[in-house]
Amino acid sequence: MWLGLALVVVLIGVGYYWSLKLNPWVVCPKCHGTPRLKGLVFKHAQRICPKCGGTGQVLRLGRRLFGMGPPR
């Protein structure tokens, strides 16, 4: 029983690792993928999203936690 449970945990871990390797980016939670945010008072004014730096994407939490960094 414990061997089967350990095997399932290892398979989930390996699958998550490969998921992080193949898909390192997620949509920025602040700007939702549109890298420019509209001004609060003047709606025609725009600025670059400070969280993603204008790319619309951020690294996944797992890549940041495990110190994998951005892909090369």
N, C-alpha and C. Protein backbone atom coordinates (compact mmCIF):
# COMPACT_ATOMS: atom_id res chain seq x y z
N MET A 1 0.82 -1.19 0.00
CA MET A 1 0.00 0.00 0.00
C MET A 1 0.86 1.26 0.00
N TRP A 2 1.89 1.27 0.87
CA TRP A 2 2.76 2.46 0.94
C TRP A 2 3.57 2.63 -0.33
N LEU A 3 3.94 1.53 -0.94
CA LEU A 3 4.71 1.60 -2.18
C LEU A 3 3.87 2.21 -3.30
N GLY A 4 2.61 1.83 -3.37
CA GLY A 4 1.71 2.40 -4.37
C GLY A 4 1.48 3.89 -4.16
N LEU A 5 1.32 4.30 -2.91
CA LEU A 5 1.14 5.71 -2.58
C LEU A 5 2.40 6.51 -2.91
N ALA A 6 3.56 5.95 -2.59
CA ALA A 6 4.83 6.61 -2.91
C ALA A 6 5.00 6.75 -4.42
N LEU A 7 4.61 5.74 -5.17
CA LEU A 7 4.71 5.80 -6.62
C LEU A 7 3.81 6.88 -7.20
N VAL A 8 2.61 7.02 -6.68
CA VAL A 8 1.69 8.06 -7.13
C VAL A 8 2.26 9.45 -6.84
N VAL A 9 2.82 9.64 -5.64
CA VAL A 9 3.41 10.93 -5.27
C VAL A 9 4.59 11.26 -6.18
N VAL A 10 5.42 10.28 -6.47
CA VAL A 10 6.57 10.51 -7.36
C VAL A 10 6.09 10.86 -8.76
N LEU A 11 5.10 10.17 -9.27
CA LEU A 11 4.58 10.46 -10.62
C LEU A 11 3.97 11.86 -10.69
N ILE A 12 3.26 12.26 -9.67
CA ILE A 12 2.69 13.62 -9.64
C ILE A 12 3.82 14.65 -9.59
N GLY A 13 4.85 14.40 -8.78
CA GLY A 13 5.99 15.31 -8.69
C GLY A 13 6.73 15.45 -10.01
N VAL A 14 6.97 14.34 -10.69
CA VAL A 14 7.65 14.38 -11.99
C VAL A 14 6.79 15.10 -13.02
N GLY A 15 5.50 14.85 -13.00
CA GLY A 15 4.60 15.53 -13.93
C GLY A 15 4.57 17.03 -13.70
N TYR A 16 4.57 17.45 -12.43
CA TYR A 16 4.59 18.88 -12.11
C TYR A 16 5.91 19.52 -12.54
N TYR A 17 7.02 18.82 -12.34
CA TYR A 17 8.32 19.33 -12.76
C TYR A 17 8.35 19.56 -14.26
N TRP A 18 7.87 18.59 -15.04
CA TRP A 18 7.87 18.75 -16.50
C TRP A 18 6.89 19.83 -16.94
N SER A 19 5.81 19.98 -16.21
CA SER A 19 4.87 21.06 -16.51
C SER A 19 5.55 22.41 -16.30
N LEU A 20 6.34 22.54 -15.24
CA LEU A 20 7.07 23.79 -15.00
C LEU A 20 8.13 24.03 -16.08
N LYS A 21 8.77 22.97 -16.54
CA LYS A 21 9.80 23.12 -17.59
C LYS A 21 9.18 23.52 -18.92
N LEU A 22 8.04 22.92 -19.28
CA LEU A 22 7.44 23.16 -20.58
C LEU A 22 6.59 24.43 -20.63
N ASN A 23 5.97 24.80 -19.50
CA ASN A 23 5.09 25.97 -19.44
C ASN A 23 5.50 26.86 -18.27
N PRO A 24 6.57 27.65 -18.41
CA PRO A 24 7.08 28.43 -17.28
C PRO A 24 6.30 29.70 -17.00
N TRP A 25 5.51 30.19 -17.91
CA TRP A 25 4.85 31.49 -17.77
C TRP A 25 3.35 31.34 -17.55
N VAL A 26 2.77 32.28 -16.81
CA VAL A 26 1.32 32.40 -16.66
C VAL A 26 0.94 33.86 -16.93
N VAL A 27 -0.33 34.09 -17.17
CA VAL A 27 -0.82 35.43 -17.41
C VAL A 27 -0.66 36.25 -16.14
N CYS A 28 -0.21 37.48 -16.27
CA CYS A 28 -0.01 38.37 -15.13
C CYS A 28 -1.34 38.59 -14.40
N PRO A 29 -1.38 38.37 -13.07
CA PRO A 29 -2.64 38.53 -12.34
C PRO A 29 -3.06 39.99 -12.19
N LYS A 30 -2.14 40.91 -12.35
CA LYS A 30 -2.48 42.32 -12.17
C LYS A 30 -3.09 42.92 -13.43
N CYS A 31 -2.47 42.67 -14.60
CA CYS A 31 -2.97 43.28 -15.84
C CYS A 31 -3.75 42.30 -16.72
N HIS A 32 -3.80 41.02 -16.33
CA HIS A 32 -4.55 39.98 -17.06
C HIS A 32 -4.09 39.83 -18.51
N GLY A 33 -2.78 39.98 -18.73
CA GLY A 33 -2.23 39.76 -20.06
C GLY A 33 -2.19 40.98 -20.96
N THR A 34 -2.83 42.06 -20.57
CA THR A 34 -2.73 43.30 -21.33
C THR A 34 -1.71 44.18 -20.61
N PRO A 35 -0.51 44.35 -21.15
CA PRO A 35 0.59 44.95 -20.41
C PRO A 35 0.42 46.42 -20.07
N ARG A 36 -0.62 47.06 -20.54
CA ARG A 36 -0.81 48.47 -20.21
C ARG A 36 -2.06 48.63 -19.34
N LEU A 37 -1.90 49.37 -18.26
CA LEU A 37 -3.01 49.64 -17.36
C LEU A 37 -3.52 51.05 -17.61
N LYS A 38 -4.82 51.22 -17.52
CA LYS A 38 -5.42 52.53 -17.74
C LYS A 38 -5.31 53.37 -16.47
N GLY A 39 -5.25 54.69 -16.66
CA GLY A 39 -5.15 55.60 -15.53
C GLY A 39 -6.43 55.60 -14.70
N LEU A 40 -6.31 55.98 -13.44
CA LEU A 40 -7.46 56.00 -12.56
C LEU A 40 -8.36 57.20 -12.82
N VAL A 41 -7.77 58.37 -13.07
CA VAL A 41 -8.55 59.58 -13.28
C VAL A 41 -8.81 59.80 -14.76
N PHE A 42 -7.75 59.84 -15.54
CA PHE A 42 -7.86 60.04 -16.99
C PHE A 42 -7.80 58.67 -17.66
N LYS A 43 -8.93 58.17 -18.11
CA LYS A 43 -9.02 56.81 -18.63
C LYS A 43 -8.26 56.61 -19.95
N HIS A 44 -7.95 57.68 -20.66
CA HIS A 44 -7.21 57.53 -21.91
C HIS A 44 -5.71 57.38 -21.65
N ALA A 45 -5.24 57.73 -20.46
CA ALA A 45 -3.82 57.60 -20.11
C ALA A 45 -3.50 56.14 -19.81
N GLN A 46 -2.31 55.70 -20.19
CA GLN A 46 -1.91 54.32 -19.96
C GLN A 46 -0.52 54.29 -19.35
N ARG A 47 -0.25 53.22 -18.61
CA ARG A 47 1.08 53.00 -18.05
C ARG A 47 1.40 51.52 -18.13
N ILE A 48 2.67 51.20 -18.06
CA ILE A 48 3.10 49.80 -18.13
C ILE A 48 2.85 49.14 -16.78
N CYS A 49 2.42 47.90 -16.81
CA CYS A 49 2.14 47.14 -15.60
C CYS A 49 3.43 46.98 -14.79
N PRO A 50 3.41 47.35 -13.50
CA PRO A 50 4.62 47.23 -12.69
C PRO A 50 4.97 45.80 -12.31
N LYS A 51 4.00 44.91 -12.28
CA LYS A 51 4.27 43.53 -11.86
C LYS A 51 5.01 42.73 -12.93
N CYS A 52 4.57 42.87 -14.19
CA CYS A 52 5.18 42.07 -15.27
C CYS A 52 6.15 42.88 -16.13
N GLY A 53 6.22 44.19 -15.92
CA GLY A 53 7.14 45.02 -16.70
C GLY A 53 6.70 45.21 -18.13
N GLY A 54 5.42 45.02 -18.40
CA GLY A 54 4.91 45.23 -19.74
C GLY A 54 4.90 44.01 -20.63
N THR A 55 5.22 42.83 -20.11
CA THR A 55 5.21 41.63 -20.93
C THR A 55 3.86 40.92 -20.92
N GLY A 56 3.08 41.11 -19.86
CA GLY A 56 1.79 40.43 -19.74
C GLY A 56 1.89 39.05 -19.15
N GLN A 57 3.13 38.63 -18.79
CA GLN A 57 3.34 37.29 -18.23
C GLN A 57 4.26 37.37 -17.02
N VAL A 58 4.08 36.43 -16.09
CA VAL A 58 4.97 36.29 -14.94
C VAL A 58 5.33 34.81 -14.80
N LEU A 59 6.43 34.53 -14.09
CA LEU A 59 6.84 33.15 -13.86
C LEU A 59 5.84 32.45 -12.95
N ARG A 60 5.66 31.16 -13.17
CA ARG A 60 4.77 30.37 -12.32
C ARG A 60 5.34 30.29 -10.91
N LEU A 61 4.46 30.12 -9.94
CA LEU A 61 4.85 30.07 -8.54
C LEU A 61 5.86 28.95 -8.29
N GLY A 62 5.64 27.79 -8.88
CA GLY A 62 6.56 26.66 -8.68
C GLY A 62 7.97 26.97 -9.15
N ARG A 63 8.12 27.67 -10.26
CA ARG A 63 9.46 28.02 -10.75
C ARG A 63 10.14 28.99 -9.79
N ARG A 64 9.38 29.88 -9.20
CA ARG A 64 9.97 30.81 -8.24
C ARG A 64 10.32 30.10 -6.94
N LEU A 65 9.45 29.21 -6.46
CA LEU A 65 9.70 28.51 -5.20
C LEU A 65 10.89 27.57 -5.28
N PHE A 66 11.05 26.87 -6.38
CA PHE A 66 12.13 25.91 -6.54
C PHE A 66 13.40 26.54 -7.09
N GLY A 67 13.40 27.84 -7.31
CA GLY A 67 14.60 28.54 -7.77
C GLY A 67 15.00 28.20 -9.19
N MET A 68 14.05 27.84 -10.04
CA MET A 68 14.36 27.47 -11.41
C MET A 68 14.64 28.69 -12.28
N GLY A 69 14.10 29.85 -11.92
CA GLY A 69 14.34 31.07 -12.68
C GLY A 69 13.67 31.04 -14.04
N PRO A 70 13.83 32.12 -14.80
CA PRO A 70 13.23 32.16 -16.14
C PRO A 70 13.97 31.26 -17.11
N PRO A 71 13.28 30.77 -18.13
CA PRO A 71 13.95 29.92 -19.13
C PRO A 71 14.94 30.74 -19.94
N ARG A 72 15.94 30.08 -20.47
CA ARG A 72 16.98 30.78 -21.25
C ARG A 72 16.55 30.98 -22.66
